[in-house]
Amino acid sequence: MLQDIKPSEFLTALRAWTQKIRAGELSARIPDRSPPDVSELGQDINFVAEMLESLSRDAEIQLQRHTEHIARKNKSLKILYDVVTSINMSRNVHELLTRFLHTMTELVDARGAAVYLEAKKNTFSLIAETGVAATLSEGSPYLPESVRASDEKEAIPIRVIPIPDQIGRQCGLAGERLSILIIPLQYRGKVLGVYNLYIDGDQFKSDGEYEELFTSMGRHLGIAVEKARLDKEANALSIMRERTNIANELHDSLAQTLASIKYQVRVLDETIHQEDEAATWQELERIESTIDEAHTELRTLIAHFRMPIGESSLTVSVEQVIERFKQDCDDVQVYLQKEWPDTTLPPQIELQVLRVIQEALTNVRKHSEADTVRVLMRGDTEGHYTILIEDDGVGITDLEKQDSVGEHVGISIMQDRADRIGGTLTVDGELGEGVQVRFEFDYLPGDLKDDVQYEMV
């Protein structure tokens, strides 16, 4: 039996133990051979050593777990970053959903997966599939418990359900513990699509850290689905607007020229009946000139889909429009009053101004039976502009009770042109007191309003 160590030897042992502890050897202990008067102290020191060793092991385990958690978080953040980047760059939402179908499958080592999109209310169409989902996805998708959140800001949770036994037997998976992970593609509390992932048993419970990731992916991809839908609607609206613009441009250019030809043919018919050969040739030359003008306008529309002001100023272009009006209506006196500043307006605005004047004069020629027309163009240094076209004709009582809808659509077109540049247009007229068209807008160089869409057409 070993003899007890002396107190001096105990101090030597304590010093040696301290050095081992400082060197990281936490399993070091003081020999339990101390004299009775220091034995209890040695036991207490060894107890502290055991606690220190235990705490060190626990800290190492916690550090390892924390490191693994950070690694998973970094992976999740990388995936979310990839999702957001792909949403901004991808033009095909189907390709986007298919790409992340495979990403989700790899994350949870799923046996298969499928993604569906809502085609119409409560009806979903299959977009892509992989693995066992090729046979499991023929029917309707498995949806979350709620297809709409009570609050638009509230996320619809993902869920895991066991695969029905009947489905498992049909697919040769009887006896296997498969579950379906349901990940909704959601936007503002509404399900726009869904991922179905077929996983082994309770696998997702052991990978619970991915719940937040999949929820975020579902919400981001839901935004992508909604964005694609809005882009599609915007494209359809753009096509409709383009068609309207074409109709307006045809009405304001070629249609008016053809109407002028129609009017000139009527005059020619009257001239022929009067057997005035000189006047007949004069009307024929006028018609030929108008046809040439119509041909030029048509070529301009085809080439540029706009009526360019050209190198001439707006006032010069207005003078040309008025001169043409005088040729068509030589019995009507036209007065042009210009109080226009020496300011160059954007071509978009000048075109709308010119078209409004042109349409107003066309309505005068067609409906007013006027003897006199006045065109006022006024602008000031503060950027306020006013266009006034007034006549002394028969006037109007109700613009909606005109005879021909096709011929009088010009008023709504004028209103639309005023709206495009943030202006206002009013049409006033009393029976027997003529009609007044007032077009007003504001513009200062370099001060285009962000909420106003300026168009060339």
Protein backbone atom coordinates (compact mmCIF):
# COMPACT_ATOMS: atom_id res chain seq x y z
CA MET A 1 0.00 0.00 0.00
CA LEU A 2 1.35 3.39 -0.90
CA GLN A 3 2.20 5.70 1.94
CA ASP A 4 0.42 9.01 2.28
CA ILE A 5 2.28 11.87 0.74
CA LYS A 6 3.61 14.63 2.93
CA PRO A 7 2.14 18.16 2.90
CA SER A 8 5.12 19.47 0.99
CA GLU A 9 4.65 16.73 -1.55
CA PHE A 10 0.95 17.66 -1.75
CA LEU A 11 1.91 21.19 -2.68
CA THR A 12 4.23 19.77 -5.36
CA ALA A 13 1.36 17.61 -6.68
CA LEU A 14 -0.98 20.61 -6.60
CA ARG A 15 1.54 22.65 -8.59
CA ALA A 16 1.92 19.84 -11.14
CA TRP A 17 -1.90 19.56 -11.45
CA THR A 18 -2.18 23.30 -11.97
CA GLN A 19 0.38 23.21 -14.77
CA LYS A 20 -1.47 20.35 -16.51
CA ILE A 21 -4.78 22.22 -16.24
CA ARG A 22 -3.18 25.36 -17.71
CA ALA A 23 -1.79 23.21 -20.51
CA GLY A 24 -5.34 22.04 -21.35
CA GLU A 25 -5.11 18.59 -19.75
CA LEU A 26 -8.47 18.84 -17.99
CA SER A 27 -8.45 15.13 -17.03
CA ALA A 28 -5.58 15.69 -14.58
CA ARG A 29 -6.28 14.92 -10.93
CA ILE A 30 -4.44 15.27 -7.59
CA PRO A 31 -3.42 11.85 -6.17
CA ASP A 32 -5.67 10.87 -3.30
CA ARG A 33 -2.85 10.04 -0.91
CA SER A 34 -2.76 13.25 1.01
CA PRO A 35 -2.57 13.46 4.82
CA PRO A 36 -5.93 13.69 6.55
CA ASP A 37 -5.54 17.40 7.10
CA VAL A 38 -5.32 18.12 3.33
CA SER A 39 -7.19 15.09 1.94
CA GLU A 40 -10.52 16.90 1.94
CA LEU A 41 -8.96 19.84 0.11
CA GLY A 42 -7.61 17.47 -2.54
CA GLN A 43 -11.04 15.96 -3.03
CA ASP A 44 -12.60 19.40 -3.46
CA ILE A 45 -9.96 20.35 -6.00
CA ASN A 46 -10.55 17.11 -7.96
CA PHE A 47 -14.31 17.81 -7.87
CA VAL A 48 -13.68 21.25 -9.36
CA ALA A 49 -11.48 19.61 -11.98
CA GLU A 50 -14.27 17.17 -12.91
CA MET A 51 -16.74 20.06 -13.20
CA LEU A 52 -14.29 22.01 -15.35
CA GLU A 53 -13.78 19.00 -17.61
CA SER A 54 -17.54 18.49 -17.88
CA LEU A 55 -18.13 22.15 -18.70
CA SER A 56 -15.42 22.01 -21.32
CA ARG A 57 -17.05 18.99 -22.97
CA ASP A 58 -20.44 20.69 -22.93
CA ALA A 59 -18.98 23.88 -24.38
CA GLU A 60 -17.32 21.90 -27.14
CA ILE A 61 -20.56 20.14 -27.96
CA GLN A 62 -22.46 23.45 -27.95
CA LEU A 63 -19.79 25.05 -30.13
CA GLN A 64 -20.03 22.18 -32.60
CA ARG A 65 -23.81 22.45 -32.68
CA HIS A 66 -23.62 26.22 -33.09
CA THR A 67 -21.09 25.83 -35.90
CA GLU A 68 -23.38 23.36 -37.67
CA HIS A 69 -26.32 25.72 -37.11
CA ILE A 70 -24.38 28.64 -38.58
CA ALA A 71 -23.41 26.48 -41.55
CA ARG A 72 -27.06 25.58 -42.15
CA LYS A 73 -28.08 29.22 -41.78
CA ASN A 74 -25.43 30.26 -44.28
CA LYS A 75 -26.70 27.61 -46.65
CA SER A 76 -30.26 28.83 -46.17
CA LEU A 77 -29.24 32.44 -46.75
CA LYS A 78 -27.35 31.43 -49.88
CA ILE A 79 -30.44 29.64 -51.18
CA LEU A 80 -32.68 32.62 -50.39
CA TYR A 81 -30.21 34.94 -52.09
CA ASP A 82 -30.28 32.64 -55.10
CA VAL A 83 -34.09 32.74 -55.06
CA VAL A 84 -34.22 36.55 -54.95
CA THR A 85 -31.55 36.91 -57.64
CA SER A 86 -33.29 34.40 -59.88
CA ILE A 87 -36.62 36.17 -59.45
CA ASN A 88 -35.09 39.43 -60.65
CA MET A 89 -33.31 37.81 -63.60
CA SER A 90 -35.68 35.05 -64.72
CA ARG A 91 -38.27 35.76 -67.39
CA ASN A 92 -39.91 32.35 -67.24
CA VAL A 93 -41.67 31.53 -63.98
CA HIS A 94 -42.02 27.85 -64.97
CA GLU A 95 -38.25 27.49 -65.32
CA LEU A 96 -37.80 29.27 -61.99
CA LEU A 97 -40.18 26.94 -60.16
CA THR A 98 -38.61 23.87 -61.76
CA ARG A 99 -35.13 24.96 -60.73
CA PHE A 100 -36.03 25.30 -57.07
CA LEU A 101 -38.05 22.11 -57.20
CA HIS A 102 -34.72 20.27 -57.52
CA THR A 103 -33.12 22.50 -54.86
CA MET A 104 -35.80 21.59 -52.32
CA THR A 105 -35.59 17.93 -53.25
CA GLU A 106 -31.86 17.87 -52.53
CA LEU A 107 -32.20 19.76 -49.24
CA VAL A 108 -34.38 17.12 -47.59
CA ASP A 109 -33.26 14.17 -49.73
CA ALA A 110 -36.83 13.72 -50.96
CA ARG A 111 -37.87 10.65 -52.94
CA GLY A 112 -39.63 12.93 -55.41
CA ALA A 113 -41.36 16.27 -55.78
CA ALA A 114 -43.90 18.14 -57.86
CA VAL A 115 -44.90 21.78 -58.25
CA TYR A 116 -48.32 23.10 -59.25
CA LEU A 117 -49.69 26.52 -60.16
CA GLU A 118 -53.23 27.78 -59.81
CA ALA A 119 -54.69 27.90 -63.31
CA LYS A 120 -58.04 29.27 -62.20
CA LYS A 121 -59.88 29.44 -58.91
CA ASN A 122 -59.37 26.20 -56.94
CA THR A 123 -57.87 24.50 -60.00
CA PHE A 124 -54.15 23.70 -60.19
CA SER A 125 -52.03 22.59 -63.13
CA LEU A 126 -48.82 20.54 -62.91
CA ILE A 127 -45.68 22.50 -63.81
CA ALA A 128 -42.83 20.04 -63.13
CA GLU A 129 -42.12 16.76 -61.30
CA THR A 130 -39.24 14.50 -60.39
CA GLY A 131 -38.70 11.07 -58.80
CA VAL A 132 -41.69 9.16 -57.47
CA ALA A 133 -43.81 12.24 -58.10
CA ALA A 134 -43.93 11.18 -61.76
CA THR A 135 -46.56 8.61 -60.75
CA LEU A 136 -47.92 10.33 -57.64
CA SER A 137 -48.65 13.72 -59.20
CA GLU A 138 -51.27 12.71 -61.75
CA GLY A 139 -54.15 13.77 -59.51
CA SER A 140 -54.79 16.99 -57.62
CA PRO A 141 -52.01 18.42 -55.45
CA TYR A 142 -51.99 18.25 -51.68
CA LEU A 143 -52.72 21.74 -50.35
CA PRO A 144 -52.07 23.44 -47.01
CA GLU A 145 -54.83 23.36 -44.42
CA SER A 146 -55.74 26.95 -45.30
CA VAL A 147 -55.68 28.32 -48.83
CA ARG A 148 -55.88 31.85 -47.48
CA ALA A 149 -54.48 33.47 -44.36
CA SER A 150 -56.73 35.55 -42.12
CA ASP A 151 -54.22 38.38 -42.41
CA GLU A 152 -52.44 39.24 -45.67
CA LYS A 153 -49.19 39.70 -43.74
CA GLU A 154 -49.56 36.34 -42.01
CA ALA A 155 -47.68 33.40 -43.57
CA ILE A 156 -49.59 30.23 -44.43
CA PRO A 157 -47.63 27.47 -42.65
CA ILE A 158 -46.13 24.46 -44.36
CA ARG A 159 -47.24 21.05 -43.15
CA VAL A 160 -46.32 17.37 -43.33
CA ILE A 161 -48.93 14.64 -43.79
CA PRO A 162 -48.54 10.86 -44.18
CA ILE A 163 -49.08 9.57 -47.68
CA PRO A 164 -52.45 7.78 -47.98
CA ASP A 165 -52.09 3.98 -47.97
CA GLN A 166 -54.16 3.66 -51.15
CA ILE A 167 -51.81 6.00 -53.03
CA GLY A 168 -48.80 4.12 -51.69
CA ARG A 169 -50.17 0.77 -52.87
CA GLN A 170 -50.99 2.14 -56.31
CA CYS A 171 -47.40 3.27 -56.72
CA GLY A 172 -45.75 0.13 -55.35
CA LEU A 173 -44.74 1.86 -52.12
CA ALA A 174 -46.95 -0.14 -49.75
CA GLY A 175 -45.36 -0.59 -46.33
CA GLU A 176 -42.98 2.33 -46.77
CA ARG A 177 -43.35 5.25 -44.39
CA LEU A 178 -43.60 8.17 -46.77
CA SER A 179 -44.83 11.66 -45.93
CA ILE A 180 -45.78 14.63 -48.07
CA LEU A 181 -44.18 17.98 -47.32
CA ILE A 182 -46.55 20.72 -48.50
CA ILE A 183 -44.97 24.12 -49.22
CA PRO A 184 -47.42 26.81 -50.41
CA LEU A 185 -46.43 29.47 -52.93
CA GLN A 186 -48.15 32.38 -51.29
CA TYR A 187 -48.65 36.07 -51.84
CA ARG A 188 -50.53 38.33 -49.45
CA GLY A 189 -52.16 35.44 -47.67
CA LYS A 190 -53.34 33.64 -50.82
CA VAL A 191 -52.01 30.34 -52.21
CA LEU A 192 -50.95 30.76 -55.85
CA GLY A 193 -49.29 27.35 -56.15
CA VAL A 194 -47.79 24.54 -54.09
CA TYR A 195 -44.78 22.23 -53.83
CA ASN A 196 -45.37 18.60 -52.82
CA LEU A 197 -42.20 16.86 -51.60
CA TYR A 198 -42.31 13.10 -50.86
CA ILE A 199 -39.98 12.38 -47.95
CA ASP A 200 -39.18 9.36 -45.78
CA GLY A 201 -41.23 9.09 -42.60
CA ASP A 202 -40.56 11.79 -40.06
CA GLN A 203 -37.44 13.01 -41.83
CA PHE A 204 -38.56 16.62 -41.91
CA LYS A 205 -39.01 16.67 -38.13
CA SER A 206 -35.30 15.98 -37.74
CA ASP A 207 -34.61 18.72 -40.28
CA GLY A 208 -36.92 21.24 -38.60
CA GLU A 209 -34.48 24.09 -39.22
CA TYR A 210 -35.56 24.07 -42.86
CA GLU A 211 -39.14 25.01 -41.99
CA GLU A 212 -38.32 28.72 -41.90
CA LEU A 213 -36.29 28.41 -45.11
CA PHE A 214 -39.07 26.66 -47.03
CA THR A 215 -41.63 29.16 -45.78
CA SER A 216 -39.45 32.04 -47.01
CA MET A 217 -38.85 30.31 -50.34
CA GLY A 218 -42.58 29.80 -50.75
CA ARG A 219 -43.26 33.47 -50.09
CA HIS A 220 -40.51 34.73 -52.42
CA LEU A 221 -41.52 32.37 -55.22
CA GLY A 222 -45.14 33.38 -54.64
CA ILE A 223 -44.06 36.96 -55.35
CA ALA A 224 -42.45 35.73 -58.58
CA VAL A 225 -45.70 34.01 -59.60
CA GLU A 226 -47.71 37.15 -58.87
CA LYS A 227 -45.18 39.29 -60.73
CA ALA A 228 -45.45 37.02 -63.78
CA ARG A 229 -49.23 37.29 -63.65
CA LEU A 230 -49.11 41.08 -63.41
CA ASP A 231 -46.57 41.25 -66.24
CA LYS A 232 -48.90 39.19 -68.39
CA GLU A 233 -51.82 41.48 -67.61
CA ALA A 234 -49.66 44.54 -68.22
CA ASN A 235 -48.60 43.15 -71.58
CA ALA A 236 -52.22 42.52 -72.54
CA LEU A 237 -53.10 46.05 -71.41
CA SER A 238 -50.18 47.41 -73.41
CA ILE A 239 -51.44 45.63 -76.53
CA MET A 240 -54.93 47.04 -76.00
CA ARG A 241 -53.49 50.51 -75.46
CA GLU A 242 -51.36 50.17 -78.57
CA ARG A 243 -54.43 49.23 -80.58
CA THR A 244 -56.23 52.26 -79.17
CA ASN A 245 -53.29 54.46 -80.09
CA ILE A 246 -53.30 53.11 -83.64
CA ALA A 247 -57.03 53.78 -83.90
CA ASN A 248 -56.58 57.30 -82.53
CA GLU A 249 -53.70 58.03 -84.88
CA LEU A 250 -55.64 56.73 -87.89
CA HIS A 251 -58.62 58.82 -86.81
CA ASP A 252 -56.56 61.97 -86.38
CA SER A 253 -54.57 61.66 -89.60
CA LEU A 254 -55.61 59.32 -92.39
CA ALA A 255 -59.31 59.20 -91.46
CA GLN A 256 -59.52 62.96 -91.51
CA THR A 257 -57.79 63.13 -94.87
CA LEU A 258 -60.23 60.57 -96.29
CA ALA A 259 -63.12 62.55 -94.82
CA SER A 260 -61.73 65.61 -96.57
CA ILE A 261 -61.63 63.68 -99.85
CA LYS A 262 -65.25 62.64 -99.29
CA TYR A 263 -66.21 66.26 -98.79
CA GLN A 264 -64.29 67.34 -101.89
CA VAL A 265 -65.96 64.64 -103.99
CA ARG A 266 -69.33 66.01 -102.92
CA VAL A 267 -68.23 69.48 -104.02
CA LEU A 268 -66.95 68.01 -107.30
CA ASP A 269 -70.33 66.40 -107.92
CA GLU A 270 -72.07 69.74 -107.48
CA THR A 271 -69.50 71.42 -109.73
CA ILE A 272 -70.01 68.83 -112.49
CA HIS A 273 -73.76 69.39 -112.37
CA GLN A 274 -73.11 73.11 -112.85
CA GLU A 275 -71.12 72.25 -116.03
CA ASP A 276 -68.27 74.53 -114.93
CA GLU A 277 -65.25 72.90 -116.55
CA ALA A 278 -62.64 75.19 -114.97
CA ALA A 279 -64.05 74.71 -111.49
CA THR A 280 -64.28 70.94 -112.12
CA TRP A 281 -60.60 70.71 -113.01
CA GLN A 282 -59.76 72.82 -109.96
CA GLU A 283 -61.66 70.40 -107.67
CA LEU A 284 -60.02 67.40 -109.35
CA GLU A 285 -56.60 68.90 -108.74
CA ARG A 286 -57.55 69.53 -105.11
CA ILE A 287 -58.69 65.92 -104.72
CA GLU A 288 -55.49 64.66 -106.33
CA SER A 289 -53.45 66.79 -103.92
CA THR A 290 -55.40 65.43 -100.95
CA ILE A 291 -54.90 61.86 -102.13
CA ASP A 292 -51.16 62.50 -102.36
CA GLU A 293 -51.30 63.86 -98.82
CA ALA A 294 -53.17 60.75 -97.63
CA HIS A 295 -50.53 58.57 -99.24
CA THR A 296 -47.78 60.52 -97.49
CA GLU A 297 -49.55 60.26 -94.14
CA LEU A 298 -50.00 56.52 -94.59
CA ARG A 299 -46.33 56.04 -95.34
CA THR A 300 -45.47 58.14 -92.29
CA LEU A 301 -47.71 56.02 -90.08
CA ILE A 302 -46.15 52.83 -91.37
CA ALA A 303 -42.59 54.07 -91.00
CA HIS A 304 -42.83 55.94 -87.71
CA PHE A 305 -46.34 55.42 -86.32
CA ARG A 306 -46.50 59.09 -85.50
CA MET A 307 -46.97 62.45 -87.17
CA PRO A 308 -43.62 64.17 -86.70
CA ILE A 309 -43.53 67.90 -86.26
CA GLY A 310 -40.37 67.84 -88.31
CA GLU A 311 -37.96 70.74 -88.27
CA SER A 312 -40.81 73.24 -88.21
CA SER A 313 -41.97 74.79 -84.96
CA LEU A 314 -45.34 74.00 -83.44
CA THR A 315 -46.82 77.30 -84.55
CA VAL A 316 -45.72 76.69 -88.14
CA SER A 317 -47.28 73.22 -88.05
CA VAL A 318 -50.52 74.73 -86.70
CA GLU A 319 -50.50 77.27 -89.51
CA GLN A 320 -50.22 74.42 -92.02
CA VAL A 321 -53.20 72.65 -90.42
CA ILE A 322 -55.25 75.85 -90.58
CA GLU A 323 -54.27 76.44 -94.20
CA ARG A 324 -55.50 72.99 -95.10
CA PHE A 325 -58.75 73.71 -93.23
CA LYS A 326 -59.21 76.88 -95.27
CA GLN A 327 -58.78 74.93 -98.49
CA ASP A 328 -61.50 72.48 -97.43
CA CYS A 329 -63.82 75.18 -96.07
CA ASP A 330 -63.21 78.29 -98.17
CA ASP A 331 -66.46 79.81 -96.91
CA VAL A 332 -65.29 79.85 -93.27
CA GLN A 333 -63.11 82.66 -91.91
CA VAL A 334 -60.29 81.43 -89.66
CA TYR A 335 -58.31 83.68 -87.33
CA LEU A 336 -55.12 82.48 -85.62
CA GLN A 337 -54.01 84.45 -82.58
CA LYS A 338 -50.52 83.54 -81.30
CA GLU A 339 -49.32 84.60 -77.88
CA TRP A 340 -46.88 81.74 -77.74
CA PRO A 341 -43.48 82.08 -76.01
CA ASP A 342 -40.26 81.24 -77.81
CA THR A 343 -40.04 77.91 -75.99
CA THR A 344 -39.33 74.50 -77.47
CA LEU A 345 -41.70 71.91 -76.05
CA PRO A 346 -40.94 68.18 -76.13
CA PRO A 347 -42.12 66.54 -79.38
CA GLN A 348 -44.55 64.40 -77.35
CA ILE A 349 -46.36 67.47 -76.08
CA GLU A 350 -46.27 69.36 -79.40
CA LEU A 351 -47.84 66.39 -81.15
CA GLN A 352 -50.74 66.23 -78.68
CA VAL A 353 -51.34 69.99 -79.05
CA LEU A 354 -51.31 69.75 -82.84
CA ARG A 355 -53.68 66.76 -82.82
CA VAL A 356 -56.16 68.48 -80.51
CA ILE A 357 -56.27 71.56 -82.78
CA GLN A 358 -56.60 69.36 -85.84
CA GLU A 359 -59.47 67.35 -84.35
CA ALA A 360 -61.29 70.47 -83.11
CA LEU A 361 -61.13 72.02 -86.59
CA THR A 362 -62.36 68.76 -88.13
CA ASN A 363 -65.40 68.85 -85.83
CA VAL A 364 -66.01 72.47 -86.85
CA ARG A 365 -65.96 71.50 -90.52
CA LYS A 366 -68.25 68.52 -90.03
CA HIS A 367 -70.85 69.78 -87.57
CA SER A 368 -70.72 73.49 -86.75
CA GLU A 369 -72.06 75.23 -89.87
CA ALA A 370 -69.93 78.13 -88.63
CA ASP A 371 -68.93 81.26 -90.50
CA THR A 372 -65.98 82.14 -88.28
CA VAL A 373 -63.42 80.15 -86.28
CA ARG A 374 -60.82 81.54 -83.88
CA VAL A 375 -57.73 79.63 -82.75
CA LEU A 376 -55.85 81.08 -79.78
CA MET A 377 -52.45 79.82 -78.68
CA ARG A 378 -51.25 81.37 -75.42
CA GLY A 379 -48.37 80.60 -73.08
CA ASP A 380 -46.53 82.38 -70.29
CA THR A 381 -43.09 82.30 -68.67
CA GLU A 382 -44.45 80.26 -65.74
CA GLY A 383 -45.09 77.31 -68.01
CA HIS A 384 -48.88 77.53 -68.33
CA TYR A 385 -50.26 76.99 -71.83
CA THR A 386 -53.78 77.43 -73.20
CA ILE A 387 -55.20 76.38 -76.57
CA LEU A 388 -58.64 77.77 -77.45
CA ILE A 389 -60.68 76.83 -80.53
CA GLU A 390 -64.10 78.47 -80.78
CA ASP A 391 -66.67 78.93 -83.54
CA ASP A 392 -69.97 80.76 -84.08
CA GLY A 393 -71.84 77.73 -85.36
CA VAL A 394 -75.00 75.93 -84.30
CA GLY A 395 -73.55 74.82 -80.96
CA ILE A 396 -74.42 71.67 -79.05
CA THR A 397 -76.77 70.64 -76.28
CA ASP A 398 -75.67 67.07 -75.55
CA LEU A 399 -72.43 65.62 -76.89
CA GLU A 400 -73.73 62.10 -76.41
CA LYS A 401 -76.68 62.61 -78.78
CA GLN A 402 -74.65 63.10 -81.95
CA ASP A 403 -75.73 61.09 -84.96
CA SER A 404 -72.69 58.95 -85.72
CA VAL A 405 -70.58 57.44 -82.99
CA GLY A 406 -67.68 56.80 -85.35
CA GLU A 407 -67.48 60.39 -86.51
CA HIS A 408 -67.73 61.91 -83.03
CA VAL A 409 -65.29 59.72 -81.17
CA GLY A 410 -62.84 62.58 -81.68
CA ILE A 411 -63.92 64.35 -78.47
CA SER A 412 -62.95 61.38 -76.31
CA ILE A 413 -59.68 61.10 -78.24
CA MET A 414 -58.93 64.77 -77.55
CA GLN A 415 -59.62 64.16 -73.87
CA ASP A 416 -57.26 61.19 -73.89
CA ARG A 417 -54.53 63.25 -75.54
CA ALA A 418 -54.90 65.93 -72.88
CA ASP A 419 -54.65 63.31 -70.13
CA ARG A 420 -51.42 61.92 -71.57
CA ILE A 421 -49.55 65.14 -70.84
CA GLY A 422 -51.32 65.94 -67.60
CA GLY A 423 -53.55 68.60 -69.17
CA THR A 424 -57.27 69.34 -69.05
CA LEU A 425 -59.74 69.66 -71.90
CA THR A 426 -63.24 71.12 -71.74
CA VAL A 427 -65.84 71.39 -74.49
CA ASP A 428 -68.65 73.91 -73.98
CA GLY A 429 -71.43 74.91 -76.30
CA GLU A 430 -75.01 76.10 -76.16
CA LEU A 431 -77.56 75.70 -78.91
CA GLY A 432 -77.06 78.48 -81.45
CA GLU A 433 -74.04 79.93 -79.63
CA GLY A 434 -71.20 77.91 -81.12
CA VAL A 435 -68.70 75.60 -79.43
CA GLN A 436 -65.56 76.35 -77.43
CA VAL A 437 -62.76 73.80 -76.93
CA ARG A 438 -60.25 74.75 -74.21
CA PHE A 439 -57.05 72.74 -73.76
CA GLU A 440 -54.72 73.71 -70.90
CA PHE A 441 -51.48 72.17 -69.60
CA ASP A 442 -48.35 73.10 -67.66
CA TYR A 443 -44.75 72.47 -68.63
CA LEU A 444 -41.38 73.82 -67.56
CA PRO A 445 -38.13 72.57 -69.14
CA GLY A 446 -36.65 69.77 -67.07
CA ASP A 447 -39.81 69.49 -64.98
CA LEU A 448 -41.63 66.51 -66.50
CA LYS A 449 -43.94 64.96 -63.94
CA ASP A 450 -43.04 61.43 -62.94
CA ASP A 451 -46.68 60.37 -62.78
CA VAL A 452 -47.47 61.57 -66.32
CA GLN A 453 -46.78 59.22 -69.21
CA TYR A 454 -45.73 61.15 -72.32
CA GLU A 455 -46.29 59.23 -75.55
CA MET A 456 -45.46 59.89 -79.15
CA VAL A 457 -48.62 58.35 -80.52
